[in-house]
Protein backbone atom coordinates (compact mmCIF):
# COMPACT_ATOMS: atom_id res chain seq x y z
CA UNK A 1 46.62 -108.94 -8.93
CA UNK A 2 44.56 -109.00 -5.67
CA UNK A 3 42.60 -105.85 -4.32
CA UNK A 4 41.29 -106.52 -1.26
CA UNK A 5 41.02 -102.98 -0.67
CA UNK A 6 37.90 -102.09 -3.73
CA UNK A 7 35.47 -99.71 -2.43
CA UNK A 8 37.16 -99.51 0.96
CA UNK A 9 35.57 -96.23 2.09
CA UNK A 10 32.10 -96.48 3.44
CA UNK A 11 29.28 -96.30 0.63
CA UNK A 12 31.89 -96.55 -2.23
CA UNK A 13 30.09 -98.10 -5.36
CA UNK A 14 31.08 -101.35 -6.60
CA UNK A 15 31.28 -102.24 -10.26
CA UNK A 16 28.40 -104.38 -10.98
CA UNK A 17 26.52 -103.64 -7.57
CA UNK A 18 22.49 -103.83 -7.76
CA UNK A 19 19.79 -103.43 -5.70
CA UNK A 20 16.18 -104.96 -7.01
CA UNK A 21 14.47 -101.55 -5.13
CA UNK A 22 16.88 -99.57 -7.45
CA UNK A 23 16.38 -101.43 -10.99
CA UNK A 24 12.88 -102.04 -10.65
CA UNK A 25 12.86 -105.43 -10.00
CA UNK A 26 13.04 -108.34 -12.17
CA UNK A 27 12.04 -105.51 -14.96
CA UNK A 28 15.64 -104.28 -14.64
CA UNK A 29 16.86 -107.89 -15.53
CA UNK A 30 14.28 -108.45 -18.40
CA UNK A 31 15.23 -108.28 -22.13
CA UNK A 32 11.76 -108.91 -24.13
CA UNK A 33 12.77 -110.37 -27.40
CA UNK A 34 11.62 -108.41 -30.50
CA UNK A 35 10.16 -109.93 -33.54
CA UNK A 36 12.94 -110.18 -35.65
CA UNK A 37 15.16 -112.25 -32.98
CA UNK A 38 11.62 -114.13 -32.58
CA UNK A 39 11.85 -115.20 -36.20
CA UNK A 40 15.85 -115.61 -36.36
CA UNK A 41 15.08 -118.19 -33.51
CA UNK A 42 12.31 -119.46 -35.10
CA UNK A 43 14.03 -120.09 -38.54
CA UNK A 44 17.11 -121.76 -36.58
CA UNK A 45 14.78 -124.33 -34.74
CA UNK A 46 13.23 -125.30 -37.72
CA UNK A 47 16.49 -125.55 -39.74
CA UNK A 48 18.03 -127.70 -37.12
CA UNK A 49 14.69 -130.45 -37.07
CA UNK A 50 15.15 -133.81 -35.68
CA UNK A 51 18.80 -132.80 -34.35
CA UNK A 52 19.81 -133.89 -30.93
CA UNK A 53 19.68 -130.26 -28.94
CA UNK A 54 23.45 -130.81 -28.02
CA UNK A 55 24.71 -131.27 -31.44
CA UNK A 56 23.27 -127.90 -31.89
CA UNK A 57 26.20 -125.18 -32.61
CA UNK A 58 26.53 -121.69 -32.43
CA UNK A 59 27.09 -121.48 -36.03
CA UNK A 60 23.29 -123.05 -36.42
CA UNK A 61 21.98 -120.50 -34.29
CA UNK A 62 24.24 -117.78 -36.09
CA UNK A 63 22.16 -115.53 -37.72
CA UNK A 64 22.80 -111.83 -36.88
CA UNK A 65 19.45 -110.80 -34.86
CA UNK A 66 20.65 -113.37 -32.52
CA UNK A 67 24.53 -113.00 -32.53
CA UNK A 68 23.68 -109.31 -31.38
CA UNK A 69 21.34 -110.36 -28.95
CA UNK A 70 23.79 -113.14 -27.09
CA UNK A 71 26.63 -110.93 -27.62
CA UNK A 72 24.78 -108.31 -25.89
CA UNK A 73 23.75 -110.85 -23.00
CA UNK A 74 27.53 -111.63 -22.55
CA UNK A 75 28.27 -108.21 -21.79
CA UNK A 76 25.65 -108.13 -19.49
CA UNK A 77 26.29 -111.21 -17.70
CA UNK A 78 30.14 -110.50 -17.27
CA UNK A 79 29.97 -106.82 -16.99
CA UNK A 80 26.78 -105.25 -16.03
CA UNK A 81 24.35 -106.51 -13.46
CA UNK A 82 25.24 -110.29 -14.30
CA UNK A 83 21.76 -111.74 -15.17
CA UNK A 84 19.58 -111.58 -18.37
CA UNK A 85 15.89 -113.10 -18.21
CA UNK A 86 14.82 -113.34 -21.95
CA UNK A 87 11.08 -113.18 -22.70
CA UNK A 88 8.83 -113.67 -25.49
CA UNK A 89 9.19 -117.21 -26.68
CA UNK A 90 5.61 -119.16 -27.21
CA UNK A 91 6.00 -122.31 -26.27
CA UNK A 92 2.89 -122.92 -28.04
CA UNK A 93 4.82 -123.12 -31.12
CA UNK A 94 7.07 -125.57 -29.85
CA UNK A 95 7.64 -129.00 -28.14
CA UNK A 96 9.48 -130.16 -25.76
CA UNK A 97 12.69 -131.20 -27.96
CA UNK A 98 12.27 -128.09 -30.06
CA UNK A 99 12.57 -125.76 -27.07
CA UNK A 100 15.56 -127.84 -26.35
CA UNK A 101 17.40 -126.67 -29.35
CA UNK A 102 16.40 -123.31 -28.85
CA UNK A 103 17.91 -122.86 -25.60
CA UNK A 104 20.94 -125.02 -26.28
CA UNK A 105 21.37 -122.70 -29.36
CA UNK A 106 21.12 -119.56 -27.48
CA UNK A 107 23.52 -121.14 -24.83
CA UNK A 108 26.12 -121.99 -27.00
CA UNK A 109 26.72 -118.18 -27.42
CA UNK A 110 27.73 -117.85 -23.94
CA UNK A 111 29.55 -120.86 -23.52
CA UNK A 112 30.61 -125.02 -23.47
CA UNK A 113 28.26 -126.95 -22.03
CA UNK A 114 28.98 -129.22 -19.56
CA UNK A 115 27.45 -132.71 -17.94
CA UNK A 116 25.61 -131.47 -14.53
CA UNK A 117 25.81 -135.21 -13.17
CA UNK A 118 26.65 -138.78 -13.84
CA UNK A 119 23.79 -139.04 -15.80
CA UNK A 120 26.01 -137.17 -18.52
CA UNK A 121 23.14 -134.44 -18.89
CA UNK A 122 24.28 -131.26 -20.68
CA UNK A 123 20.66 -130.08 -20.29
CA UNK A 124 19.23 -131.09 -16.86
CA UNK A 125 15.84 -131.77 -16.50
CA UNK A 126 15.06 -129.65 -13.18
CA UNK A 127 12.30 -131.31 -11.27
CA UNK A 128 11.39 -133.30 -8.13
CA UNK A 129 12.00 -137.09 -8.51
CA UNK A 130 13.58 -139.67 -6.98
CA UNK A 131 17.01 -138.55 -5.53
CA UNK A 132 18.82 -140.33 -3.25
CA UNK A 133 21.69 -137.98 -3.39
CA UNK A 134 19.68 -134.98 -2.42
CA UNK A 135 20.86 -132.85 -5.16
CA UNK A 136 18.14 -129.23 -4.80
CA UNK A 137 17.49 -129.05 -8.68
CA UNK A 138 15.55 -132.62 -7.92
CA UNK A 139 13.87 -131.25 -4.90
CA UNK A 140 10.58 -129.34 -3.96
CA UNK A 141 11.63 -127.64 -0.96
CA UNK A 142 13.34 -124.09 -0.82
CA UNK A 143 16.32 -123.52 -1.93
CA UNK A 144 18.15 -120.23 -0.12
CA UNK A 145 20.31 -117.89 -2.02
CA UNK A 146 23.94 -119.70 -3.35
CA UNK A 147 26.34 -119.97 -6.10
CA UNK A 148 26.71 -123.12 -7.91
CA UNK A 149 29.89 -124.02 -9.29
CA UNK A 150 30.21 -123.37 -13.51
CA UNK A 151 30.87 -119.75 -14.73
CA UNK A 152 27.50 -119.41 -16.50
CA UNK A 153 24.41 -120.64 -15.45
CA UNK A 154 20.66 -120.73 -17.05
CA UNK A 155 17.05 -122.09 -16.13
CA UNK A 156 14.44 -122.19 -18.92
CA UNK A 157 10.58 -122.67 -17.80
CA UNK A 158 8.90 -125.64 -19.33
CA UNK A 159 6.07 -125.68 -16.76
CA UNK A 160 5.74 -123.43 -13.62
CA UNK A 161 4.53 -124.74 -10.56
CA UNK A 162 1.00 -124.19 -9.63
CA UNK A 163 2.09 -123.03 -6.10
CA UNK A 164 6.08 -121.71 -5.36
CA UNK A 165 8.71 -121.82 -6.88
CA UNK A 166 9.51 -118.62 -6.85
CA UNK A 167 13.13 -117.48 -8.43
CA UNK A 168 15.41 -114.76 -6.95
CA UNK A 169 18.55 -113.25 -7.78
CA UNK A 170 20.92 -111.21 -5.74
CA UNK A 171 24.25 -109.15 -6.78
CA UNK A 172 27.32 -110.62 -5.45
CA UNK A 173 28.81 -106.81 -5.24
CA UNK A 174 25.54 -105.64 -3.32
CA UNK A 175 26.52 -108.24 -0.41
CA UNK A 176 30.05 -107.23 -0.71
CA UNK A 177 29.19 -103.47 -0.35
CA UNK A 178 27.12 -104.10 3.02
CA UNK A 179 29.70 -106.70 4.46
CA UNK A 180 32.46 -104.00 4.00
CA UNK A 181 29.95 -101.51 5.42
CA UNK A 182 28.67 -103.10 8.12
CA UNK A 183 31.06 -105.87 9.29
CA UNK A 184 34.37 -105.06 7.84
CA UNK A 185 35.87 -107.22 10.64
CA UNK A 186 34.06 -110.09 8.63
CA UNK A 187 35.82 -109.54 5.49
CA UNK A 188 39.09 -111.33 6.16
CA UNK A 189 37.60 -114.73 7.13
CA UNK A 190 35.59 -114.69 3.62
CA UNK A 191 38.82 -113.67 1.68
CA UNK A 192 40.73 -116.90 3.63
CA UNK A 193 38.10 -118.91 2.68
CA UNK A 194 38.15 -122.70 3.76
CA UNK A 195 38.77 -125.89 1.96
CA UNK A 196 36.75 -127.57 -0.38
CA UNK A 197 36.09 -131.64 -0.74
CA UNK A 198 37.55 -133.30 -3.82
CA UNK A 199 35.96 -136.49 -3.51
CA UNK A 200 33.59 -138.21 -0.72
CA UNK A 201 37.29 -138.59 1.33
CA UNK A 202 39.56 -135.97 0.00
CA UNK A 203 39.70 -131.91 0.09
CA UNK A 204 41.60 -129.33 -1.86
CA UNK A 205 45.20 -128.22 -0.51
CA UNK A 206 44.23 -124.63 -0.77
CA UNK A 207 41.43 -122.46 0.91
CA UNK A 208 38.84 -121.61 -1.50
CA UNK A 209 37.98 -117.91 -0.64
CA UNK A 210 34.27 -117.11 -0.15
CA UNK A 211 34.43 -113.56 -1.39
CA UNK A 212 37.29 -113.12 -4.16
CA UNK A 213 38.56 -109.66 -5.09
CA UNK A 214 40.88 -110.00 -8.08
CA UNK A 215 41.61 -106.97 -10.69
CA UNK A 216 38.94 -105.21 -9.18
CA UNK A 217 36.04 -107.47 -9.38
CA UNK A 218 34.11 -108.90 -7.15
CA UNK A 219 32.71 -112.31 -6.91
CA UNK A 220 31.45 -114.76 -4.33
CA UNK A 221 31.43 -118.52 -3.78
CA UNK A 222 28.45 -119.12 -1.54
CA UNK A 223 27.74 -123.28 -1.72
CA UNK A 224 27.80 -123.40 2.02
CA UNK A 225 27.57 -127.42 1.45
CA UNK A 226 31.30 -127.45 0.61
CA UNK A 227 33.23 -126.30 3.52
CA UNK A 228 31.24 -128.77 6.18
CA UNK A 229 31.61 -131.16 3.69
CA UNK A 230 35.25 -130.59 4.22
CA UNK A 231 35.53 -129.91 7.50
CA UNK A 232 33.95 -133.33 8.41
CA UNK A 233 36.37 -135.11 5.98
CA UNK A 234 39.03 -133.58 7.99
CA UNK A 235 37.50 -134.40 11.21
CA UNK A 236 37.41 -130.96 12.19
CA UNK A 237 35.01 -127.95 12.69
CA UNK A 238 34.57 -124.73 10.18
CA UNK A 239 36.21 -122.01 11.79
CA UNK A 240 34.01 -119.36 14.02
CA UNK A 241 35.11 -116.84 12.39
CA UNK A 242 34.08 -118.11 8.63
CA UNK A 243 30.66 -119.83 10.08
CA UNK A 244 30.15 -116.10 11.60
CA UNK A 245 30.76 -114.58 8.38
CA UNK A 246 28.68 -117.06 6.03
CA UNK A 247 25.73 -116.47 8.67
CA UNK A 248 25.36 -112.80 8.03
CA UNK A 249 26.37 -113.44 4.35
CA UNK A 250 23.30 -115.52 4.42
CA UNK A 251 20.97 -112.49 6.46
CA UNK A 252 22.10 -110.25 3.96
CA UNK A 253 21.19 -111.79 0.86
CA UNK A 254 17.58 -112.19 2.31
CA UNK A 255 16.88 -108.71 2.75
CA UNK A 256 14.34 -107.09 1.68
CA UNK A 257 14.88 -104.89 -1.48
CA UNK A 258 18.06 -106.24 -2.44
CA UNK A 259 16.73 -109.67 -4.39
CA UNK A 260 14.50 -109.40 -7.25
CA UNK A 261 12.04 -111.97 -6.91
CA UNK A 262 9.75 -113.27 -9.73
CA UNK A 263 7.96 -116.78 -11.00
CA UNK A 264 9.27 -117.61 -14.41
CA UNK A 265 6.88 -118.65 -16.82
CA UNK A 266 6.69 -120.91 -19.68
CA UNK A 267 9.64 -120.02 -22.37
CA UNK A 268 11.25 -117.46 -20.40
CA UNK A 269 15.54 -118.06 -19.78
CA UNK A 270 17.54 -116.83 -17.24
CA UNK A 271 21.40 -116.79 -17.83
CA UNK A 272 23.71 -115.74 -15.23
CA UNK A 273 27.07 -115.14 -14.34
CA UNK A 274 27.43 -117.58 -11.23
CA UNK A 275 29.78 -115.90 -8.17
CA UNK A 276 28.29 -112.34 -9.62
CA UNK A 277 25.09 -113.12 -8.70
CA UNK A 278 23.11 -115.46 -6.21
CA UNK A 279 20.02 -117.40 -6.59
CA UNK A 280 17.01 -119.03 -5.28
CA UNK A 281 13.95 -120.65 -5.25
CA UNK A 282 11.06 -120.84 -2.90
CA UNK A 283 9.20 -124.40 -2.37
CA UNK A 284 6.94 -125.86 -4.79
CA UNK A 285 4.07 -127.91 -5.01
CA UNK A 286 3.33 -129.93 -7.86
CA UNK A 287 -0.24 -131.05 -8.81
CA UNK A 288 -1.74 -134.16 -10.55
CA UNK A 289 -2.23 -131.89 -13.48
CA UNK A 290 0.96 -129.66 -13.54
CA UNK A 291 4.45 -130.91 -12.89
CA UNK A 292 7.02 -128.52 -12.91
CA UNK A 293 9.90 -128.38 -15.40
CA UNK A 294 12.56 -126.46 -15.96
CA UNK A 295 15.69 -127.07 -17.82
CA UNK A 296 19.18 -126.27 -17.16
CA UNK A 297 22.49 -125.16 -18.57
CA UNK A 298 26.16 -124.95 -16.94
CA UNK A 299 28.37 -123.11 -19.03
CA UNK A 300 32.59 -122.72 -19.00
CA UNK A 301 32.30 -119.08 -20.42
CA UNK A 302 33.42 -118.05 -23.59
CA UNK A 303 33.69 -114.06 -21.75
CA UNK A 304 36.20 -115.05 -18.75
CA UNK A 305 36.85 -112.97 -15.35
CA UNK A 306 39.37 -113.04 -13.03
CA UNK A 307 38.67 -115.15 -9.88
CA UNK A 308 40.39 -116.39 -6.96
CA UNK A 309 42.12 -120.24 -7.16
CA UNK A 310 39.17 -122.29 -6.91
CA UNK A 311 36.40 -120.79 -8.85
CA UNK A 312 37.01 -122.29 -11.87
CA UNK A 313 39.41 -125.36 -10.70
CA UNK A 314 36.27 -126.87 -8.85
CA UNK A 315 34.09 -126.65 -11.93
CA UNK A 316 36.99 -128.59 -13.57
CA UNK A 317 36.76 -131.57 -10.99
CA UNK A 318 33.18 -131.96 -11.25
CA UNK A 319 33.26 -132.44 -14.95
CA UNK A 320 35.77 -135.00 -14.68
CA UNK A 321 34.45 -136.74 -11.84
CA UNK A 322 30.53 -136.50 -13.91
CA UNK A 323 32.69 -137.79 -16.88
CA UNK A 324 33.85 -141.05 -14.70
CA UNK A 325 30.34 -141.45 -13.07
CA UNK A 326 30.36 -140.10 -10.02
CA UNK A 327 30.49 -136.73 -8.27
CA UNK A 328 31.33 -134.69 -5.22
CA UNK A 329 27.61 -133.42 -4.77
CA UNK A 330 26.23 -135.57 -2.09
CA UNK A 331 24.68 -133.78 0.51
CA UNK A 332 25.00 -136.33 3.82
CA UNK A 333 22.70 -135.91 6.25
CA UNK A 334 25.66 -134.37 8.64
CA UNK A 335 27.18 -131.77 6.15
CA UNK A 336 23.39 -130.71 5.45
CA UNK A 337 22.49 -130.51 9.09
CA UNK A 338 25.93 -128.24 9.93
CA UNK A 339 25.18 -126.20 7.13
CA UNK A 340 22.14 -125.32 8.37
CA UNK A 341 22.39 -125.16 11.88
CA UNK A 342 25.19 -122.74 11.05
CA UNK A 343 23.52 -120.45 8.68
CA UNK A 344 20.54 -120.14 10.74
CA UNK A 345 22.05 -119.91 14.27
């Protein structure tokens, strides 16, 4: 049942809200793998030698040390801060295919991997490359704080950029607390939301809230291009109150002290619950000797959270489109400019 009055009193704490300044920055999100955990992971990698990474199952990475680790990660994603960074894997021990198996094997404990584009890629390769659809993960430009589409998201670093490529995480519940306390007049527009595209020429027959408060759980959907793309399809404009609210949310996510920022190192893996955590990345530069490369997972979570209509529905729509070799994730010049101009005004 919806509960938009959650934490209505000024200063009331919302479960899951955190600020980087209060939790030690990325150290508060980090788990350094123990020798026992690393040994169990290594055994699983060796036991699956020659397998395609996406053929690996949770049973193949089912040692007790791994299972307990990933159960703790799943709890933290759904009930705790919403994000965990695992460190300690020595990439000198693994080639790329082995690291893919390691990464995918851990991910199977958290959810079911889906295809991330018409390429049918269940393990995305995050790097700069020719990109006619202007997908963010294939660009070297800054990606401001945002959410994506599936419940659990993850990145694993193979090669860090020599310059830039700093990742950031911000608690959605902390953003909500600030909006509630400083600009409560913006909450109705965020709770109402706007239509989202369902193809390059159609939109939802309902509005997807930018802010979801269901059964006491706060989630936010902050993929700014979708409302502007839908408005372009409808031949209208995104309502001014929602634009103002989105602009304020965007400014809040960039406040010092709120965001945990760090440069992921080779072998590190970040898992987070989308809609509970905004993520971002600074621009980066490749060099002839070093090309930034990360791996990516999109997962339908095993452990569910209550969220508004549209949060999971859009993800399943994308799955179906990618299976057909198409997508709504085409960032047109018009929608990108409209979103950028509105949010930075």
